[in-house]
Amino acid sequence: MVSIERGRCAYCGGCVGMCPSGALELAETRLLLDQELCNECGFCVAGCATGALAIEPAPLVSTRTRLRYDVVVVGAGPAGATAAFFAAEQGLDVLLMEKRQEIGSPVRCAEGINRDMLLAYVEPEERWISAEIRRSQIVTADTGQARTLEGDEIGYILERRVFDRVLAERAAAAGASIMLKTSVQSLIMEDGAVTGLTAHNGRTEMEIEARLVIAADGVESGVAGWAGLESLLRPSDCLSCAQYMLVGIEADPECCYYYLGADLAPGGYGWVFPKGEGKANVGLGVQADLAQMPALEYLLRFIGQHRWLEQGSPVTFITGNVPVGVAGGSIATDGLMVVGDAARQADPLTGGGIGNAMLAGRLAAQVAAQAIENGDVSAATLAAYEQRWKEARGRKMERSYRLKTRFSATDRVSHSFQRAFAVAAVGK
């Protein structure tokens, strides 16, 4: 009988083409095996590049490794990669861990960011800038009334698949080590403090000691909860999102479009973000507790109502949940800090989070360096990160959250709400 070790499988599909009985099928990022069709010829085992396939009974080879770092960062998105870069730049021994086999993929983002927020961390490069944004338009879906915003603010639509990898490359160049396709299993705790974690990478089981852990593991964060911090995402604080990248559409290549309406997207909004001539990210997010159908159904209806979008052809499709609340408790504890979506640091009005994530990563790295130098990574010391976040952006996010909760879904087409939304949308 052929077995599949999921942790090692890279979903390349090579084994499917080698199977003479048609027992293997590649379903997106999951390899399926029909044991009734399998004749145990072993061709797939011989052709597997990662050793994920074996004919049972195969001896299980398990390697145990002990490692030690000053800082371990879990998650290589913008928050994690930025934290790893600044921590390594300050001379710390840093490990950046990513559970997926490719940093930057799959993309779960509309990819927009304000220019000034980006320039605070990295100079723009043509290879990961899809469009330069010089104006925005907020459309009331029910009436078609549009409000155009123009001024000095400039933004970018990124190519996140490339951008995230560049951030990780920068962290590596600063001295950080990187592990791909490595999943964290648990935290190592001593007297209530985080002192490391356990992980596995294929058949290698690791115990990794860390003077400090930075959790940047996204909206699905498990690390924060393991450390005893509040991590549950409530439906009212969740935007359930679906997005296509459409080609063959006619849109202003320098304008971002936002569509507001209780029927269009209850508790959320639709968007059209250009990605070059004739291309755009077209998506929609709905507040999970208000939606009457899946986000994809709202998105398909939205596209169908606009001829200029309906004529486009999809070349990518993504879904995801965006946290649009604020952290329900502390984002730091003994030996651990939480950053990015894991810390609920996206803007509560728009869900935009790239710039905030990078800011949080830098602040966490700065506090980490000081705490490690002083030999004190207690919650009391790491509270400095939380305070710096509040001063730099957190209080503004709390104000945005109060605004979001003040306006009902039907009131989010009002002039007052649109004015607040416009400010958040341009990233000020």
Protein backbone atom coordinates (compact mmCIF):
# COMPACT_ATOMS: atom_id res chain seq x y z
CA MET A 1 0.00 0.00 0.00
CA VAL A 2 1.33 3.43 -0.94
CA SER A 3 1.34 6.09 1.76
CA ILE A 4 1.65 9.88 1.43
CA GLU A 5 3.50 11.94 4.02
CA ARG A 6 1.66 15.24 3.68
CA GLY A 7 4.34 17.27 5.40
CA ARG A 8 6.89 16.36 2.73
CA CYS A 9 4.65 16.51 -0.35
CA ALA A 10 5.36 19.56 -2.54
CA TYR A 11 2.28 19.06 -4.76
CA CYS A 12 4.32 18.99 -7.95
CA GLY A 13 2.11 16.37 -9.61
CA GLY A 14 5.02 14.41 -11.06
CA CYS A 15 3.81 11.18 -9.50
CA VAL A 16 0.39 11.58 -11.12
CA GLY A 17 1.94 11.45 -14.57
CA MET A 18 3.89 8.30 -13.63
CA CYS A 19 0.93 6.32 -12.24
CA PRO A 20 -0.17 3.64 -14.78
CA SER A 21 -3.39 2.84 -12.90
CA GLY A 22 -4.73 6.36 -12.44
CA ALA A 23 -4.71 6.02 -8.66
CA LEU A 24 -3.18 9.44 -7.99
CA GLU A 25 -4.81 12.82 -8.48
CA LEU A 26 -3.55 16.32 -7.70
CA ALA A 27 -6.35 18.39 -6.18
CA GLU A 28 -4.96 21.93 -5.83
CA THR A 29 -2.50 21.59 -2.93
CA ARG A 30 -3.49 18.08 -1.89
CA LEU A 31 -2.43 14.78 -3.41
CA LEU A 32 -5.21 12.18 -3.43
CA LEU A 33 -4.67 8.42 -3.60
CA ASP A 34 -7.30 5.84 -4.55
CA GLN A 35 -6.08 2.69 -2.81
CA GLU A 36 -8.46 0.49 -4.82
CA LEU A 37 -6.86 1.55 -8.09
CA CYS A 38 -3.27 1.45 -6.78
CA ASN A 39 -1.32 -1.63 -7.91
CA GLU A 40 1.73 -0.83 -5.74
CA CYS A 41 4.06 -0.71 -8.75
CA GLY A 42 6.28 1.81 -6.98
CA PHE A 43 6.79 4.11 -9.98
CA CYS A 44 5.47 7.07 -8.00
CA VAL A 45 7.81 6.32 -5.10
CA ALA A 46 10.81 6.28 -7.40
CA GLY A 47 9.81 9.55 -9.01
CA CYS A 48 9.02 11.52 -5.85
CA ALA A 49 11.54 14.33 -5.40
CA THR A 50 10.84 14.87 -1.71
CA GLY A 51 10.45 11.32 -0.42
CA ALA A 52 6.81 11.93 0.46
CA LEU A 53 5.65 8.62 -1.04
CA ALA A 54 6.47 5.17 0.29
CA ILE A 55 5.20 1.63 -0.09
CA GLU A 56 4.09 0.43 3.31
CA PRO A 57 5.30 -1.04 5.53
CA ALA A 58 8.17 1.43 5.18
CA PRO A 59 10.47 2.18 8.08
CA LEU A 60 9.75 5.57 9.56
CA VAL A 61 12.94 7.58 9.69
CA SER A 62 12.65 10.34 12.25
CA THR A 63 15.48 12.75 12.88
CA ARG A 64 15.44 14.85 16.04
CA THR A 65 17.33 18.11 16.00
CA ARG A 66 17.97 20.67 18.73
CA LEU A 67 18.60 24.24 17.65
CA ARG A 68 19.01 27.55 19.42
CA TYR A 69 18.43 31.14 18.29
CA ASP A 70 18.06 34.53 19.88
CA VAL A 71 14.81 35.18 18.02
CA VAL A 72 12.49 32.81 16.15
CA VAL A 73 9.92 34.45 13.87
CA VAL A 74 6.94 32.29 12.88
CA GLY A 75 5.54 33.35 9.51
CA ALA A 76 7.33 35.02 6.59
CA GLY A 77 4.73 37.57 5.47
CA PRO A 78 5.48 41.32 5.61
CA ALA A 79 5.27 41.42 9.43
CA GLY A 80 7.49 38.40 10.00
CA ALA A 81 10.05 39.16 7.31
CA THR A 82 10.36 42.77 8.48
CA ALA A 83 10.81 41.65 12.08
CA ALA A 84 13.47 39.14 11.01
CA PHE A 85 15.31 41.79 8.99
CA PHE A 86 15.47 44.40 11.74
CA ALA A 87 16.33 41.82 14.40
CA ALA A 88 19.16 40.37 12.28
CA GLU A 89 20.38 43.85 11.38
CA GLN A 90 20.86 44.51 15.10
CA GLY A 91 23.14 41.50 15.41
CA LEU A 92 20.70 38.92 16.73
CA ASP A 93 20.78 35.28 15.65
CA VAL A 94 17.42 34.98 13.89
CA LEU A 95 15.37 32.13 12.40
CA LEU A 96 12.47 32.94 10.07
CA MET A 97 10.04 30.03 9.65
CA GLU A 98 7.39 29.61 6.94
CA LYS A 99 4.94 26.71 6.82
CA ARG A 100 4.45 26.96 3.06
CA GLN A 101 6.95 25.87 0.46
CA GLU A 102 7.04 29.25 -1.26
CA ILE A 103 7.15 32.62 0.48
CA GLY A 104 4.55 34.98 -0.98
CA SER A 105 2.21 32.28 -2.25
CA PRO A 106 -0.70 31.92 -2.12
CA VAL A 107 -1.49 35.63 -2.09
CA ARG A 108 -4.38 36.59 0.17
CA CYS A 109 -4.42 40.35 -0.33
CA ALA A 110 -5.76 43.13 -2.53
CA GLU A 111 -2.11 44.35 -2.59
CA GLY A 112 -2.57 48.09 -2.05
CA ILE A 113 -0.33 50.28 0.12
CA ASN A 114 0.28 54.00 0.65
CA ARG A 115 3.61 55.17 -0.78
CA ASP A 116 4.87 56.84 2.41
CA MET A 117 4.11 53.73 4.45
CA LEU A 118 6.15 51.67 2.00
CA LEU A 119 9.06 54.11 1.78
CA ALA A 120 9.56 53.86 5.53
CA TYR A 121 10.90 50.34 5.00
CA VAL A 122 11.98 49.72 1.43
CA GLU A 123 12.55 51.54 -1.87
CA PRO A 124 10.04 50.61 -4.60
CA GLU A 125 11.28 48.34 -7.39
CA GLU A 126 9.64 47.96 -10.77
CA ARG A 127 9.56 44.17 -10.49
CA TRP A 128 7.08 44.22 -7.60
CA ILE A 129 5.10 47.40 -8.35
CA SER A 130 2.11 46.60 -10.56
CA ALA A 131 0.55 50.07 -10.60
CA GLU A 132 1.06 53.57 -9.24
CA ILE A 133 -2.15 55.00 -7.79
CA ARG A 134 -2.83 58.75 -7.97
CA ARG A 135 -6.56 58.88 -7.17
CA SER A 136 -9.37 56.89 -5.61
CA GLN A 137 -13.07 56.75 -6.26
CA ILE A 138 -15.70 55.79 -3.70
CA VAL A 139 -18.95 54.64 -5.29
CA THR A 140 -22.31 54.29 -3.56
CA ALA A 141 -23.53 51.06 -5.12
CA ASP A 142 -27.27 51.73 -4.86
CA THR A 143 -27.18 55.11 -6.61
CA GLY A 144 -23.99 54.93 -8.64
CA GLN A 145 -22.91 58.24 -7.13
CA ALA A 146 -19.13 58.50 -7.16
CA ARG A 147 -16.77 60.59 -5.11
CA THR A 148 -13.28 61.04 -6.55
CA LEU A 149 -10.33 61.74 -4.27
CA GLU A 150 -7.24 63.35 -5.72
CA GLY A 151 -4.31 64.99 -4.02
CA ASP A 152 -0.72 64.54 -3.03
CA GLU A 153 -1.20 61.02 -1.68
CA ILE A 154 0.24 58.32 -3.94
CA GLY A 155 -0.12 54.61 -3.47
CA TYR A 156 1.02 51.40 -5.09
CA ILE A 157 -0.53 48.09 -6.02
CA LEU A 158 2.11 45.50 -5.28
CA GLU A 159 2.94 42.14 -6.76
CA ARG A 160 2.88 40.35 -3.42
CA ARG A 161 4.32 37.08 -4.73
CA VAL A 162 7.52 38.96 -5.53
CA PHE A 163 7.36 41.59 -2.77
CA ASP A 164 7.13 39.09 0.09
CA ARG A 165 10.05 37.11 -1.30
CA VAL A 166 12.14 40.28 -1.58
CA LEU A 167 11.48 41.07 2.08
CA ALA A 168 12.58 37.55 3.04
CA GLU A 169 15.69 37.85 0.85
CA ARG A 170 16.53 41.09 2.61
CA ALA A 171 16.20 39.38 6.00
CA ALA A 172 18.50 36.59 4.82
CA ALA A 173 21.05 39.11 3.53
CA ALA A 174 21.03 40.72 6.99
CA GLY A 175 21.92 37.35 8.51
CA ALA A 176 18.61 35.63 9.28
CA SER A 177 18.24 31.90 8.63
CA ILE A 178 15.11 30.76 6.79
CA MET A 179 13.23 27.47 6.96
CA LEU A 180 10.50 26.70 4.42
CA LYS A 181 7.71 24.13 4.71
CA THR A 182 8.28 24.00 8.43
CA SER A 183 5.26 23.77 10.71
CA VAL A 184 5.27 24.79 14.35
CA GLN A 185 3.72 22.10 16.55
CA SER A 186 3.82 23.62 20.01
CA LEU A 187 5.52 26.14 22.26
CA ILE A 188 8.13 25.18 24.83
CA MET A 189 7.18 26.75 28.15
CA GLU A 190 9.12 27.08 31.38
CA ASP A 191 7.41 28.53 34.45
CA GLY A 192 4.75 30.07 32.21
CA ALA A 193 7.24 31.75 29.86
CA VAL A 194 7.85 30.90 26.20
CA THR A 195 11.39 29.58 25.76
CA GLY A 196 11.15 28.03 22.30
CA LEU A 197 9.01 25.83 20.11
CA THR A 198 8.77 22.43 18.50
CA ALA A 199 8.41 22.06 14.75
CA HIS A 200 8.72 19.54 11.99
CA ASN A 201 10.07 19.79 8.48
CA GLY A 202 9.24 16.60 6.61
CA ARG A 203 10.61 13.84 8.80
CA THR A 204 12.80 16.10 10.88
CA GLU A 205 11.45 16.91 14.31
CA MET A 206 12.98 19.98 15.89
CA GLU A 207 13.17 21.45 19.34
CA ILE A 208 14.18 25.06 18.88
CA GLU A 209 15.24 27.07 21.88
CA ALA A 210 14.65 30.80 21.58
CA ARG A 211 15.29 33.68 23.87
CA LEU A 212 12.25 35.27 22.25
CA VAL A 213 9.53 34.21 19.78
CA ILE A 214 7.71 36.59 17.42
CA ALA A 215 4.38 35.22 16.19
CA ALA A 216 3.61 36.48 12.68
CA ASP A 217 1.46 33.54 11.62
CA GLY A 218 -1.44 35.48 10.15
CA VAL A 219 -5.17 35.55 10.68
CA GLU A 220 -5.16 31.82 11.48
CA SER A 221 -2.59 32.31 14.24
CA GLY A 222 -2.24 29.41 16.63
CA VAL A 223 0.93 30.52 18.36
CA ALA A 224 -0.67 33.40 20.27
CA GLY A 225 -3.37 31.12 21.67
CA TRP A 226 -0.82 28.52 22.74
CA ALA A 227 0.88 31.24 24.77
CA GLY A 228 -2.38 32.06 26.52
CA LEU A 229 -3.18 35.26 24.58
CA GLU A 230 -6.60 36.05 23.14
CA SER A 231 -6.57 34.97 19.48
CA LEU A 232 -10.14 34.01 18.54
CA LEU A 233 -11.51 36.03 15.62
CA ARG A 234 -15.17 36.92 16.12
CA PRO A 235 -17.53 36.88 13.10
CA SER A 236 -18.32 40.58 13.61
CA ASP A 237 -14.60 41.36 13.32
CA CYS A 238 -14.02 39.28 10.21
CA LEU A 239 -14.27 40.26 6.55
CA SER A 240 -14.80 37.15 4.47
CA CYS A 241 -13.23 37.98 1.12
CA ALA A 242 -13.06 36.67 -2.43
CA GLN A 243 -11.04 38.16 -5.29
CA TYR A 244 -10.30 37.56 -8.96
CA MET A 245 -7.58 39.16 -10.97
CA LEU A 246 -9.35 40.00 -14.22
CA VAL A 247 -7.67 40.72 -17.53
CA GLY A 248 -9.21 42.40 -20.55
CA ILE A 249 -11.04 45.14 -18.67
CA GLU A 250 -10.97 48.88 -19.23
CA ALA A 251 -10.20 50.76 -16.04
CA ASP A 252 -8.21 53.84 -15.11
CA PRO A 253 -4.76 52.33 -14.41
CA GLU A 254 -4.04 54.99 -11.78
CA CYS A 255 -7.32 54.81 -9.81
CA CYS A 256 -8.54 52.51 -7.04
CA TYR A 257 -12.32 52.00 -6.93
CA TYR A 258 -14.24 51.26 -3.71
CA TYR A 259 -17.92 50.25 -3.78
CA LEU A 260 -20.05 50.63 -0.65
CA GLY A 261 -23.55 49.28 -0.13
CA ALA A 262 -25.45 47.12 2.35
CA ASP A 263 -26.84 44.89 -0.40
CA LEU A 264 -23.62 44.83 -2.39
CA ALA A 265 -21.39 43.80 0.51
CA PRO A 266 -23.02 43.88 3.97
CA GLY A 267 -20.58 45.29 6.49
CA GLY A 268 -17.81 45.43 3.90
CA TYR A 269 -17.15 46.73 0.40
CA GLY A 270 -16.14 45.83 -3.13
CA TRP A 271 -12.94 46.98 -4.79
CA VAL A 272 -11.23 47.28 -8.16
CA PHE A 273 -7.47 47.80 -7.87
CA PRO A 274 -5.58 48.19 -11.17
CA LYS A 275 -2.56 46.00 -11.84
CA GLY A 276 -1.41 47.52 -15.11
CA GLU A 277 -3.16 48.20 -18.38
CA GLY A 278 -6.25 46.03 -18.79
CA LYS A 279 -5.77 44.16 -15.47
CA ALA A 280 -7.20 44.59 -11.99
CA ASN A 281 -7.78 42.86 -8.69
CA VAL A 282 -11.55 42.74 -8.39
CA GLY A 283 -12.74 41.63 -4.99
CA LEU A 284 -15.31 41.93 -2.29
CA GLY A 285 -15.43 41.45 1.46
CA VAL A 286 -18.47 40.90 3.67
CA GLN A 287 -18.77 40.98 7.44
CA ALA A 288 -19.10 37.33 8.42
CA ASP A 289 -22.03 37.75 10.81
CA LEU A 290 -24.04 39.85 8.34
CA ALA A 291 -23.55 37.88 5.12
CA GLN A 292 -26.51 35.93 3.78
CA MET A 293 -24.38 33.97 1.31
CA PRO A 294 -20.68 33.26 0.71
CA ALA A 295 -18.42 36.14 -0.29
CA LEU A 296 -17.84 34.53 -3.69
CA GLU A 297 -21.56 34.75 -4.49
CA TYR A 298 -21.58 38.45 -3.62
CA LEU A 299 -18.50 38.95 -5.80
CA LEU A 300 -20.00 37.16 -8.80
CA ARG A 301 -23.15 39.26 -8.48
CA PHE A 302 -21.05 42.44 -8.22
CA ILE A 303 -19.09 41.59 -11.37
CA GLY A 304 -22.29 40.65 -13.20
CA GLN A 305 -23.77 44.08 -12.48
CA HIS A 306 -20.92 45.90 -14.26
CA ARG A 307 -20.36 45.27 -17.94
CA TRP A 308 -16.81 46.61 -17.82
CA LEU A 309 -15.94 43.97 -15.23
CA GLU A 310 -18.05 41.18 -16.69
CA GLN A 311 -16.10 41.31 -19.94
CA GLY A 312 -12.86 40.46 -18.10
CA SER A 313 -11.37 36.99 -17.81
CA PRO A 314 -10.09 35.62 -14.49
CA VAL A 315 -6.47 34.50 -14.24
CA THR A 316 -6.24 34.18 -10.46
CA PHE A 317 -8.77 33.48 -7.72
CA ILE A 318 -8.14 33.85 -3.98
CA THR A 319 -10.18 33.86 -0.80
CA GLY A 320 -9.38 34.66 2.80
CA ASN A 321 -10.54 36.23 6.03
CA VAL A 322 -9.30 39.66 7.03
CA PRO A 323 -9.36 40.67 10.72
CA VAL A 324 -11.10 44.04 11.06
CA GLY A 325 -11.12 44.25 14.83
CA VAL A 326 -8.49 45.09 17.39
CA ALA A 327 -6.67 42.75 19.72
CA GLY A 328 -8.93 41.61 22.53
CA GLY A 329 -6.07 41.58 25.02
CA SER A 330 -2.32 41.85 25.24
CA ILE A 331 -0.12 41.19 22.21
CA ALA A 332 2.95 40.36 24.30
CA THR A 333 3.68 37.92 27.08
CA ASP A 334 6.74 36.35 28.69
CA GLY A 335 9.07 35.44 25.84
CA LEU A 336 6.68 36.22 22.99
CA MET A 337 5.29 39.10 20.90
CA VAL A 338 2.55 38.98 18.25
CA VAL A 339 2.61 41.05 15.05
CA GLY A 340 0.57 41.66 11.90
CA ASP A 341 -2.77 39.97 11.24
CA ALA A 342 -2.07 37.59 14.13
CA ALA A 343 -2.22 40.68 16.40
CA ARG A 344 -5.30 42.07 14.59
CA GLN A 345 -3.34 45.06 13.27
CA ALA A 346 -5.15 45.54 9.95
CA ASP A 347 -7.23 48.70 9.57
CA PRO A 348 -10.75 48.02 10.93
CA LEU A 349 -12.42 50.14 8.23
CA THR A 350 -10.64 48.86 5.11
CA GLY A 351 -8.78 45.72 6.16
CA GLY A 352 -5.54 47.18 4.76
CA GLY A 353 -2.64 45.75 6.69
CA ILE A 354 0.68 45.64 4.81
CA GLY A 355 2.08 48.90 6.15
CA ASN A 356 0.81 48.23 9.66
CA ALA A 357 2.36 44.76 9.60
CA MET A 358 5.77 46.11 8.62
CA LEU A 359 5.57 48.78 11.30
CA ALA A 360 4.72 46.20 13.95
CA GLY A 361 7.54 43.94 12.78
CA ARG A 362 10.07 46.73 13.12
CA LEU A 363 8.82 47.77 16.56
CA ALA A 364 8.88 44.18 17.81
CA ALA A 365 12.44 43.69 16.54
CA GLN A 366 13.62 46.86 18.23
CA VAL A 367 12.10 45.84 21.55
CA ALA A 368 13.47 42.31 21.13
CA ALA A 369 17.02 43.58 20.66
CA GLN A 370 16.83 45.76 23.76
CA ALA A 371 15.20 43.03 25.87
CA ILE A 372 17.77 40.42 24.88
CA GLU A 373 20.64 42.81 25.50
CA ASN A 374 19.28 43.44 29.01
CA GLY A 375 18.64 39.74 29.59
CA ASP A 376 14.97 40.33 30.37
CA VAL A 377 12.23 39.08 28.03
CA SER A 378 9.43 39.20 30.58
CA ALA A 379 5.95 40.44 29.75
CA ALA A 380 6.68 43.63 31.67
CA THR A 381 9.67 44.37 29.45
CA LEU A 382 7.96 43.38 26.20
CA ALA A 383 5.04 45.64 27.07
CA ALA A 384 7.20 48.38 25.53
CA TYR A 385 6.32 46.90 22.12
CA GLU A 386 2.64 47.16 22.88
CA GLN A 387 3.02 50.75 24.04
CA ARG A 388 5.03 51.77 20.98
CA TRP A 389 2.44 50.17 18.71
CA LYS A 390 -0.36 52.10 20.42
CA GLU A 391 1.52 55.37 20.10
CA ALA A 392 2.47 54.82 16.46
CA ARG A 393 -0.74 53.29 15.09
CA GLY A 394 -2.76 51.38 17.65
CA ARG A 395 -4.80 54.28 18.99
CA LYS A 396 -5.72 55.25 15.46
CA MET A 397 -6.85 51.67 14.80
CA GLU A 398 -8.97 51.78 17.95
CA ARG A 399 -10.65 54.98 16.71
CA SER A 400 -11.32 53.32 13.36
CA TYR A 401 -12.82 50.34 15.14
CA ARG A 402 -15.14 52.57 17.14
CA LEU A 403 -16.23 54.21 13.89
CA LYS A 404 -16.87 50.83 12.30
CA THR A 405 -19.06 49.70 15.16
CA ARG A 406 -20.87 53.04 15.36
CA PHE A 407 -22.23 52.79 11.81
CA SER A 408 -24.64 49.98 10.97
CA ALA A 409 -24.26 48.18 7.65
CA THR A 410 -26.98 50.37 6.10
CA ASP A 411 -25.36 53.56 7.40
CA ARG A 412 -22.02 52.86 5.76
CA VAL A 413 -23.00 54.77 2.64
CA SER A 414 -23.44 58.01 4.61
CA HIS A 415 -21.22 61.00 3.95
CA SER A 416 -19.71 60.77 7.44
CA PHE A 417 -18.74 57.14 7.03
CA GLN A 418 -17.40 57.65 3.53
CA ARG A 419 -15.20 60.50 4.76
CA ALA A 420 -13.68 58.26 7.46
CA PHE A 421 -13.35 55.39 4.99
CA ALA A 422 -11.57 57.64 2.49
CA VAL A 423 -8.99 58.66 5.07
CA ALA A 424 -8.34 55.01 5.96
CA ALA A 425 -8.25 53.96 2.30
CA VAL A 426 -5.38 56.28 1.42
CA GLY A 427 -3.46 55.05 4.44
CA LYS A 428 -3.04 58.32 6.30
